[in-house]
């Protein structure tokens, strides 16, 4: 039975609490179910800019006081934006849970979004964009998704563009928050040594007056374009992404894809790492990952190699793709991969932040707590026939696209 206690306020705000009595801390997450995938055509990067601005001061706290309230008690405070959610979170001692909730909700509800601070923070984000573009090993991932999914909202970069970020005024941010930061989209989650009633009372006081909000139309599934793109830059290595469309959060192939990805490139014992780095020494970094969204997903192999070995690395990736399409995984490999995934899931629950993140994403994506035993059972039930069928639907050469940033040829 789950230990997660869920309540829903009259305006739709959800409150999750997982009491863990043997620790002396708690992880708190204040989520909004909005991300760059929900932005309109003229709003590229606004979700991420809002995340920055909520740290810049409220009616009762300066930016410095926001940080000091948490860090001055030994805690940590941060936030992130992704394609479908934004999270403001902190880790605090158990006696400071009330303070943590108050700081996070104050940021979300009462941020000043002062025009002078907005101008400064736009400069910060513009520098962040420059830094990303100066790091080809990072930038190639954004380029690959844009290239594959073109103008689909899930294919555009979270950070926006210099032109869009520079254009925003205070009213733009306030209007977006009024449209997206409403009760139905808000989730407060706390894991650690806490009393559920205390968390619920704090949530009702701070979030109970939010407008309920309306439902939203789901995004269409992105349809990937199969092609190759080589971007010349003054760099030493070829930084690459090779991949195809993958699984959404709700596809039947979700758990087979987890096993498939882990076996091919998810760790140092994976096929790609062993064959291309360990056996041949052609790369420093190589691996794979999946992106899973409500509307669709992507599977990507990434790495970096010398221009002289770029063709060889591409051929070796194709060979590994062909092997798994033909034979899948052998019995020992399947068992090791499942054990690797299961162990990672269980170990993540040793920390309060891991518990908070897991229960929050389950609630936002599935509307319920998913016991760890259920997840482990679904991983264990994955068969080799499922892996082969998935590989053939995913890795067929006519479906795969390649994006690379490398020296001029």
Protein backbone atom coordinates (compact mmCIF):
# COMPACT_ATOMS: atom_id res chain seq x y z
CA UNK A 1 0.00 0.00 0.00
CA UNK A 2 1.21 3.49 -0.87
CA UNK A 3 2.31 5.82 1.93
CA UNK A 4 1.57 8.90 -0.19
CA UNK A 5 -1.32 10.95 1.18
CA UNK A 6 -3.17 13.00 -1.43
CA UNK A 7 -5.66 15.81 -0.92
CA UNK A 8 -7.21 18.14 -3.49
CA UNK A 9 -8.22 21.68 -2.59
CA UNK A 10 -11.57 23.01 -3.88
CA UNK A 11 -9.77 24.98 -6.60
CA UNK A 12 -7.99 21.88 -7.93
CA UNK A 13 -4.58 22.34 -6.27
CA UNK A 14 -3.18 18.93 -5.43
CA UNK A 15 -1.21 18.25 -2.25
CA UNK A 16 0.95 15.13 -1.84
CA UNK A 17 2.71 14.15 1.37
CA UNK A 18 4.91 11.12 1.96
CA UNK A 19 5.85 10.95 5.65
CA UNK A 20 9.26 9.35 6.29
CA UNK A 21 9.83 9.31 10.02
CA UNK A 22 13.41 8.08 10.18
CA UNK A 23 14.98 11.14 8.48
CA UNK A 24 15.51 14.65 9.80
CA UNK A 25 14.81 16.52 6.59
CA UNK A 26 12.21 17.04 3.89
CA UNK A 27 12.13 17.77 0.18
CA UNK A 28 9.48 20.20 -1.01
CA UNK A 29 8.41 20.69 -4.62
CA UNK A 30 5.97 23.30 -5.87
CA UNK A 31 5.04 22.32 -9.42
CA UNK A 32 3.13 23.93 -12.23
CA UNK A 33 2.03 21.68 -15.07
CA UNK A 34 3.29 24.06 -17.71
CA UNK A 35 6.42 24.03 -19.81
CA UNK A 36 7.83 25.24 -23.09
CA UNK A 37 5.51 22.84 -24.91
CA UNK A 38 2.56 24.98 -23.80
CA UNK A 39 3.94 28.25 -25.16
CA UNK A 40 2.27 30.09 -28.01
CA UNK A 41 4.20 31.00 -31.15
CA UNK A 42 5.20 34.41 -29.75
CA UNK A 43 6.15 33.05 -26.30
CA UNK A 44 9.29 31.01 -26.95
CA UNK A 45 11.27 30.85 -23.72
CA UNK A 46 8.74 32.67 -21.53
CA UNK A 47 8.19 29.70 -19.18
CA UNK A 48 11.90 29.50 -18.44
CA UNK A 49 12.18 33.27 -18.00
CA UNK A 50 9.32 33.20 -15.50
CA UNK A 51 11.16 30.51 -13.54
CA UNK A 52 14.12 32.88 -13.29
CA UNK A 53 11.98 35.86 -12.33
CA UNK A 54 10.24 34.16 -9.42
CA UNK A 55 13.57 34.24 -7.56
CA UNK A 56 13.94 38.01 -8.01
CA UNK A 57 11.79 39.26 -5.15
CA UNK A 58 8.25 39.33 -3.75
CA UNK A 59 6.19 41.83 -1.80
CA UNK A 60 7.78 40.69 1.44
CA UNK A 61 11.19 39.26 0.41
CA UNK A 62 14.05 40.54 -1.69
CA UNK A 63 15.93 38.15 -3.96
CA UNK A 64 18.65 37.90 -1.32
CA UNK A 65 16.13 37.18 1.44
CA UNK A 66 14.54 34.41 -0.62
CA UNK A 67 17.90 32.66 -0.82
CA UNK A 68 18.83 33.39 2.81
CA UNK A 69 15.53 32.03 4.19
CA UNK A 70 16.48 28.58 2.90
CA UNK A 71 20.27 28.56 2.68
CA UNK A 72 20.64 30.33 6.03
CA UNK A 73 19.01 27.29 7.62
CA UNK A 74 21.30 24.82 5.87
CA UNK A 75 18.86 24.08 3.08
CA UNK A 76 19.10 24.28 -0.70
CA UNK A 77 16.79 26.06 -3.16
CA UNK A 78 16.47 25.66 -6.92
CA UNK A 79 14.12 25.26 -9.87
CA UNK A 80 13.92 23.83 -13.38
CA UNK A 81 11.79 24.14 -16.49
CA UNK A 82 11.15 21.33 -18.94
CA UNK A 83 8.80 20.81 -21.88
CA UNK A 84 5.71 19.98 -19.81
CA UNK A 85 6.31 21.12 -16.22
CA UNK A 86 8.08 23.70 -14.07
CA UNK A 87 9.28 22.88 -10.56
CA UNK A 88 10.45 25.13 -7.71
CA UNK A 89 11.98 23.02 -4.97
CA UNK A 90 13.97 23.06 -1.78
CA UNK A 91 15.53 20.69 0.73
CA UNK A 92 15.20 21.70 4.37
CA UNK A 93 15.52 20.35 7.90
CA UNK A 94 12.30 18.92 9.26
CA UNK A 95 11.73 21.90 11.57
CA UNK A 96 11.87 24.27 8.59
CA UNK A 97 9.19 22.70 6.36
CA UNK A 98 6.80 25.55 7.08
CA UNK A 99 9.43 28.08 6.06
CA UNK A 100 10.19 26.15 2.87
CA UNK A 101 6.54 26.03 1.84
CA UNK A 102 6.09 29.70 2.66
CA UNK A 103 9.09 30.74 0.56
CA UNK A 104 8.08 28.67 -2.46
CA UNK A 105 4.45 29.72 -2.41
CA UNK A 106 5.40 33.36 -1.82
CA UNK A 107 7.61 33.20 -4.91
CA UNK A 108 4.83 31.70 -7.01
CA UNK A 109 1.96 33.88 -5.76
CA UNK A 110 3.55 37.25 -5.00
CA UNK A 111 6.53 37.73 -7.29
CA UNK A 112 6.95 41.40 -8.21
CA UNK A 113 8.32 40.78 -11.72
CA UNK A 114 9.74 44.28 -11.51
CA UNK A 115 10.59 45.74 -14.95
CA UNK A 116 14.14 46.65 -13.97
CA UNK A 117 14.77 43.15 -12.62
CA UNK A 118 13.19 41.67 -15.75
CA UNK A 119 15.60 43.58 -17.96
CA UNK A 120 18.58 42.33 -15.95
CA UNK A 121 17.35 38.75 -15.95
CA UNK A 122 16.75 38.84 -19.70
CA UNK A 123 20.45 39.63 -19.96
CA UNK A 124 21.24 36.62 -17.77
CA UNK A 125 19.16 34.31 -20.00
CA UNK A 126 20.77 35.73 -23.14
CA UNK A 127 24.16 34.81 -21.66
CA UNK A 128 22.77 31.35 -20.89
CA UNK A 129 21.78 30.97 -24.55
CA UNK A 130 25.27 32.01 -25.65
CA UNK A 131 26.86 29.55 -23.25
CA UNK A 132 24.69 26.73 -24.59
CA UNK A 133 25.58 27.54 -28.19
CA UNK A 134 29.27 27.70 -27.25
CA UNK A 135 29.12 24.11 -25.97
CA UNK A 136 28.48 21.91 -29.03
CA UNK A 137 28.18 18.76 -26.94
CA UNK A 138 25.11 20.31 -25.32
CA UNK A 139 23.78 22.35 -28.24
CA UNK A 140 23.60 19.41 -30.62
CA UNK A 141 20.76 17.88 -28.58
CA UNK A 142 18.56 20.96 -29.05
CA UNK A 143 19.45 21.13 -32.74
CA UNK A 144 18.63 17.45 -33.21
CA UNK A 145 15.17 17.75 -31.72
CA UNK A 146 14.44 20.94 -33.68
CA UNK A 147 15.66 19.26 -36.84
CA UNK A 148 13.60 16.13 -36.23
CA UNK A 149 10.37 17.67 -34.95
CA UNK A 150 10.65 21.00 -36.77
CA UNK A 151 8.10 23.51 -35.44
CA UNK A 152 6.25 21.17 -33.09
CA UNK A 153 6.13 22.77 -29.59
CA UNK A 154 8.01 19.82 -28.07
CA UNK A 155 10.83 20.23 -30.58
CA UNK A 156 11.65 23.83 -29.77
CA UNK A 157 14.34 24.75 -27.20
CA UNK A 158 13.12 25.41 -23.65
CA UNK A 159 15.32 28.48 -23.33
CA UNK A 160 13.83 30.29 -26.33
CA UNK A 161 15.75 32.52 -28.75
CA UNK A 162 17.61 35.81 -28.24
CA UNK A 163 14.89 37.60 -30.18
CA UNK A 164 11.98 36.15 -28.21
CA UNK A 165 13.59 36.48 -24.79
CA UNK A 166 14.54 40.11 -25.45
CA UNK A 167 11.00 41.00 -26.52
CA UNK A 168 9.09 40.13 -23.34
CA UNK A 169 7.54 42.80 -21.11
CA UNK A 170 6.19 42.43 -17.61
CA UNK A 171 2.60 42.13 -18.90
CA UNK A 172 3.62 39.19 -21.10
CA UNK A 173 4.91 37.22 -18.11
CA UNK A 174 1.94 38.19 -15.94
CA UNK A 175 -0.51 37.19 -18.67
CA UNK A 176 1.16 33.81 -19.17
CA UNK A 177 1.08 33.13 -15.43
CA UNK A 178 -2.60 34.08 -15.24
CA UNK A 179 -3.32 31.63 -18.07
CA UNK A 180 -1.15 28.74 -16.87
CA UNK A 181 -0.49 29.11 -13.12
CA UNK A 182 -3.98 28.13 -11.97
CA UNK A 183 -5.29 25.63 -9.44
CA UNK A 184 -5.73 22.66 -11.76
CA UNK A 185 -2.06 22.92 -12.79
CA UNK A 186 -0.50 23.36 -9.33
CA UNK A 187 0.93 20.57 -7.19
CA UNK A 188 2.63 20.84 -3.80
CA UNK A 189 4.59 17.72 -2.86
CA UNK A 190 6.53 17.05 0.35
CA UNK A 191 8.53 13.94 1.26
CA UNK A 192 10.30 13.55 4.60
CA UNK A 193 9.75 13.94 8.31
CA UNK A 194 6.52 15.95 8.08
CA UNK A 195 2.98 15.91 9.41
CA UNK A 196 0.42 15.72 6.56
CA UNK A 197 -2.04 18.00 8.35
CA UNK A 198 0.59 20.73 8.68
CA UNK A 199 1.37 20.59 4.97
CA UNK A 200 -2.30 20.65 4.02
CA UNK A 201 -3.01 23.65 6.25
CA UNK A 202 -0.09 25.53 4.74
CA UNK A 203 -1.29 24.67 1.23
CA UNK A 204 -4.83 25.83 1.94
CA UNK A 205 -3.57 29.11 3.38
CA UNK A 206 -1.11 29.88 0.57
CA UNK A 207 -2.74 28.32 -2.49
CA UNK A 208 -6.44 28.06 -1.69
CA UNK A 209 -7.32 31.37 -3.33
CA UNK A 210 -5.85 30.50 -6.73
CA UNK A 211 -8.36 30.51 -9.59
CA UNK A 212 -9.32 26.95 -10.58
CA UNK A 213 -8.52 27.23 -14.29
CA UNK A 214 -9.80 25.28 -17.27
CA UNK A 215 -8.77 22.12 -19.06
CA UNK A 216 -6.55 22.19 -22.13
CA UNK A 217 -6.42 20.48 -25.49
CA UNK A 218 -3.68 17.84 -25.75
CA UNK A 219 -0.77 18.40 -28.10
CA UNK A 220 -0.70 16.39 -31.34
CA UNK A 221 1.94 13.68 -31.58
CA UNK A 222 5.16 14.96 -33.20
CA UNK A 223 6.08 13.17 -36.42
CA UNK A 224 9.84 12.87 -36.83
CA UNK A 225 11.64 13.75 -40.04
CA UNK A 226 14.36 11.35 -41.17
CA UNK A 227 17.36 13.21 -42.55
CA UNK A 228 20.97 14.13 -41.85
CA UNK A 229 22.32 17.55 -40.93
CA UNK A 230 25.97 18.52 -40.43
CA UNK A 231 26.61 21.95 -38.90
CA UNK A 232 30.16 23.23 -39.49
CA UNK A 233 31.77 24.93 -36.49
CA UNK A 234 35.30 25.76 -35.37
CA UNK A 235 35.58 22.71 -33.07
CA UNK A 236 37.89 19.73 -32.75
CA UNK A 237 35.35 16.90 -32.48
CA UNK A 238 32.18 15.85 -34.25
CA UNK A 239 29.42 16.04 -31.64
CA UNK A 240 26.46 13.96 -32.78
CA UNK A 241 22.94 12.74 -32.13
CA UNK A 242 21.50 9.75 -33.99
CA UNK A 243 17.92 8.76 -33.29
CA UNK A 244 14.27 8.42 -34.07
CA UNK A 245 10.84 8.89 -32.56
CA UNK A 246 10.22 6.93 -29.37
CA UNK A 247 7.45 6.37 -26.85
CA UNK A 248 5.08 8.69 -25.09
CA UNK A 249 4.46 8.34 -21.36
CA UNK A 250 1.34 6.36 -22.15
CA UNK A 251 2.47 3.99 -24.92
CA UNK A 252 2.47 0.25 -24.30
CA UNK A 253 6.14 0.25 -25.27
CA UNK A 254 7.18 2.55 -22.41
CA UNK A 255 8.76 -0.16 -20.24
CA UNK A 256 10.30 -2.13 -23.14
CA UNK A 257 11.83 1.18 -24.25
CA UNK A 258 13.38 1.66 -20.80
CA UNK A 259 15.07 -1.74 -21.06
CA UNK A 260 16.01 -1.26 -24.72
CA UNK A 261 17.64 2.14 -24.02
CA UNK A 262 19.52 0.95 -20.94
CA UNK A 263 20.95 -2.05 -22.79
CA UNK A 264 22.11 -0.05 -25.81
CA UNK A 265 23.57 3.04 -24.21
CA UNK A 266 22.38 3.67 -20.69
CA UNK A 267 25.55 2.82 -18.76
CA UNK A 268 29.23 1.89 -18.96
CA UNK A 269 28.22 -1.76 -19.40
CA UNK A 270 25.93 -0.97 -22.35
CA UNK A 271 26.58 -2.20 -25.89
CA UNK A 272 27.53 1.15 -27.40
CA UNK A 273 29.90 2.10 -24.59
CA UNK A 274 31.62 -1.28 -24.57
CA UNK A 275 31.91 -1.61 -28.35
CA UNK A 276 32.82 1.94 -29.36
CA UNK A 277 34.69 3.31 -26.35
CA UNK A 278 36.10 0.36 -24.43
CA UNK A 279 36.89 -2.01 -27.29
CA UNK A 280 37.92 0.52 -29.98
CA UNK A 281 38.73 3.77 -28.12
CA UNK A 282 36.95 5.93 -30.70
CA UNK A 283 35.10 8.22 -28.26
CA UNK A 284 35.35 9.63 -24.79
CA UNK A 285 31.59 9.83 -24.28
CA UNK A 286 28.84 7.81 -25.91
CA UNK A 287 25.42 6.80 -24.65
CA UNK A 288 21.71 6.97 -25.30
CA UNK A 289 18.57 8.35 -23.70
CA UNK A 290 14.83 8.54 -24.17
CA UNK A 291 12.56 11.57 -23.98
CA UNK A 292 9.02 10.70 -22.93
CA UNK A 293 6.25 13.29 -23.12
CA UNK A 294 2.48 13.12 -23.00
CA UNK A 295 2.19 13.46 -26.78
CA UNK A 296 5.19 11.45 -27.96
CA UNK A 297 8.85 10.75 -27.41
CA UNK A 298 12.31 10.38 -28.89
CA UNK A 299 15.18 7.90 -28.71
CA UNK A 300 18.68 9.31 -29.18
CA UNK A 301 22.25 8.02 -29.29
CA UNK A 302 24.82 10.75 -28.63
CA UNK A 303 28.57 11.14 -28.43
CA UNK A 304 31.65 12.86 -29.79
CA UNK A 305 34.48 11.59 -31.99
CA UNK A 306 37.27 12.80 -34.26
CA UNK A 307 36.38 13.83 -37.83
CA UNK A 308 38.59 10.99 -39.07
CA UNK A 309 36.55 8.37 -37.20
CA UNK A 310 33.07 9.89 -37.63
CA UNK A 311 32.11 7.58 -40.50
CA UNK A 312 33.37 4.55 -38.58
CA UNK A 313 31.37 5.49 -35.46
CA UNK A 314 28.20 5.93 -37.52
CA UNK A 315 28.71 2.50 -39.05
CA UNK A 316 29.27 0.90 -35.64
CA UNK A 317 26.05 2.46 -34.32
CA UNK A 318 24.19 1.09 -37.36
CA UNK A 319 25.65 -2.36 -36.69
CA UNK A 320 24.45 -2.32 -33.09
CA UNK A 321 21.02 -1.17 -34.24
CA UNK A 322 20.88 -4.04 -36.74
CA UNK A 323 21.87 -6.59 -34.08
CA UNK A 324 19.11 -5.61 -31.69
CA UNK A 325 16.56 -5.49 -34.52
CA UNK A 326 17.52 -9.04 -35.48
CA UNK A 327 18.08 -10.78 -32.15
CA UNK A 328 17.17 -8.40 -29.34
CA UNK A 329 19.03 -9.02 -26.08
CA UNK A 330 20.52 -12.27 -24.87
CA UNK A 331 19.23 -13.78 -21.63
CA UNK A 332 22.08 -12.58 -19.44
CA UNK A 333 22.02 -9.08 -20.91
CA UNK A 334 18.28 -8.83 -20.33
CA UNK A 335 18.63 -9.89 -16.69
CA UNK A 336 21.53 -7.49 -16.03
CA UNK A 337 19.71 -4.58 -17.64
CA UNK A 338 16.54 -5.16 -15.66
CA UNK A 339 18.58 -5.45 -12.48
CA UNK A 340 20.39 -2.20 -13.32
CA UNK A 341 17.14 -0.31 -13.86
CA UNK A 342 15.41 -1.77 -10.83
CA UNK A 343 18.37 -1.05 -8.59
CA UNK A 344 18.55 2.54 -9.76
CA UNK A 345 14.86 3.09 -9.04
CA UNK A 346 15.12 1.65 -5.54
CA UNK A 347 18.32 3.54 -4.72
CA UNK A 348 16.71 6.83 -5.80
CA UNK A 349 14.10 6.32 -3.07
CA UNK A 350 16.84 6.47 -0.42
CA UNK A 351 16.79 10.26 -0.78
CA UNK A 352 13.87 12.57 -0.02
CA UNK A 353 14.38 14.53 -3.24
CA UNK A 354 14.08 11.32 -5.24
CA UNK A 355 10.87 10.42 -3.43
CA UNK A 356 9.40 13.87 -3.98
CA UNK A 357 10.28 13.88 -7.68
CA UNK A 358 8.89 10.41 -8.28
CA UNK A 359 5.53 10.93 -6.61
CA UNK A 360 5.15 14.36 -8.24
CA UNK A 361 5.76 13.11 -11.76
CA UNK A 362 3.45 10.14 -11.21
CA UNK A 363 0.68 12.49 -10.11
CA UNK A 364 1.23 15.03 -12.89
CA UNK A 365 1.51 12.41 -15.63
CA UNK A 366 -0.82 9.66 -14.42
CA UNK A 367 -3.01 11.24 -11.77
CA UNK A 368 -2.09 8.65 -9.15
CA UNK A 369 0.71 7.25 -7.05
CA UNK A 370 2.41 4.30 -8.71
CA UNK A 371 3.90 1.94 -6.12
CA UNK A 372 7.50 1.02 -6.77
CA UNK A 373 6.48 -2.65 -6.79
CA UNK A 374 4.20 -1.99 -9.76
CA UNK A 375 7.01 -0.35 -11.71
CA UNK A 376 9.48 -3.11 -10.89
CA UNK A 377 6.93 -5.72 -11.96
CA UNK A 378 6.40 -4.06 -15.33
CA UNK A 379 10.14 -3.90 -15.95
CA UNK A 380 10.54 -7.54 -15.03
CA UNK A 381 7.69 -8.50 -17.41
CA UNK A 382 9.45 -7.07 -20.49
CA UNK A 383 10.17 -9.82 -23.05
CA UNK A 384 12.77 -10.13 -25.78
CA UNK A 385 10.02 -10.32 -28.41
CA UNK A 386 8.89 -6.86 -27.25
CA UNK A 387 12.46 -5.55 -27.53
CA UNK A 388 12.84 -6.87 -31.09
CA UNK A 389 9.47 -5.50 -32.21
CA UNK A 390 10.23 -2.10 -30.64
CA UNK A 391 13.71 -1.98 -32.21
CA UNK A 392 12.28 -2.69 -35.64
CA UNK A 393 9.72 0.09 -35.24
CA UNK A 394 12.36 2.51 -33.94
CA UNK A 395 15.72 1.77 -35.57
CA UNK A 396 14.83 1.06 -39.19
CA UNK A 397 17.29 3.19 -41.21
CA UNK A 398 14.45 4.97 -43.03
CA UNK A 399 13.24 6.32 -39.66
CA UNK A 400 16.58 7.44 -38.19
CA UNK A 401 17.92 10.99 -38.38
CA UNK A 402 21.42 12.29 -37.65
CA UNK A 403 22.51 15.73 -36.46
CA UNK A 404 26.17 16.62 -36.01
CA UNK A 405 28.24 19.69 -35.15
CA UNK A 406 31.82 19.38 -36.33
CA UNK A 407 34.79 20.98 -38.08
CA UNK A 408 34.21 22.28 -41.62
CA UNK A 409 34.73 19.53 -44.16
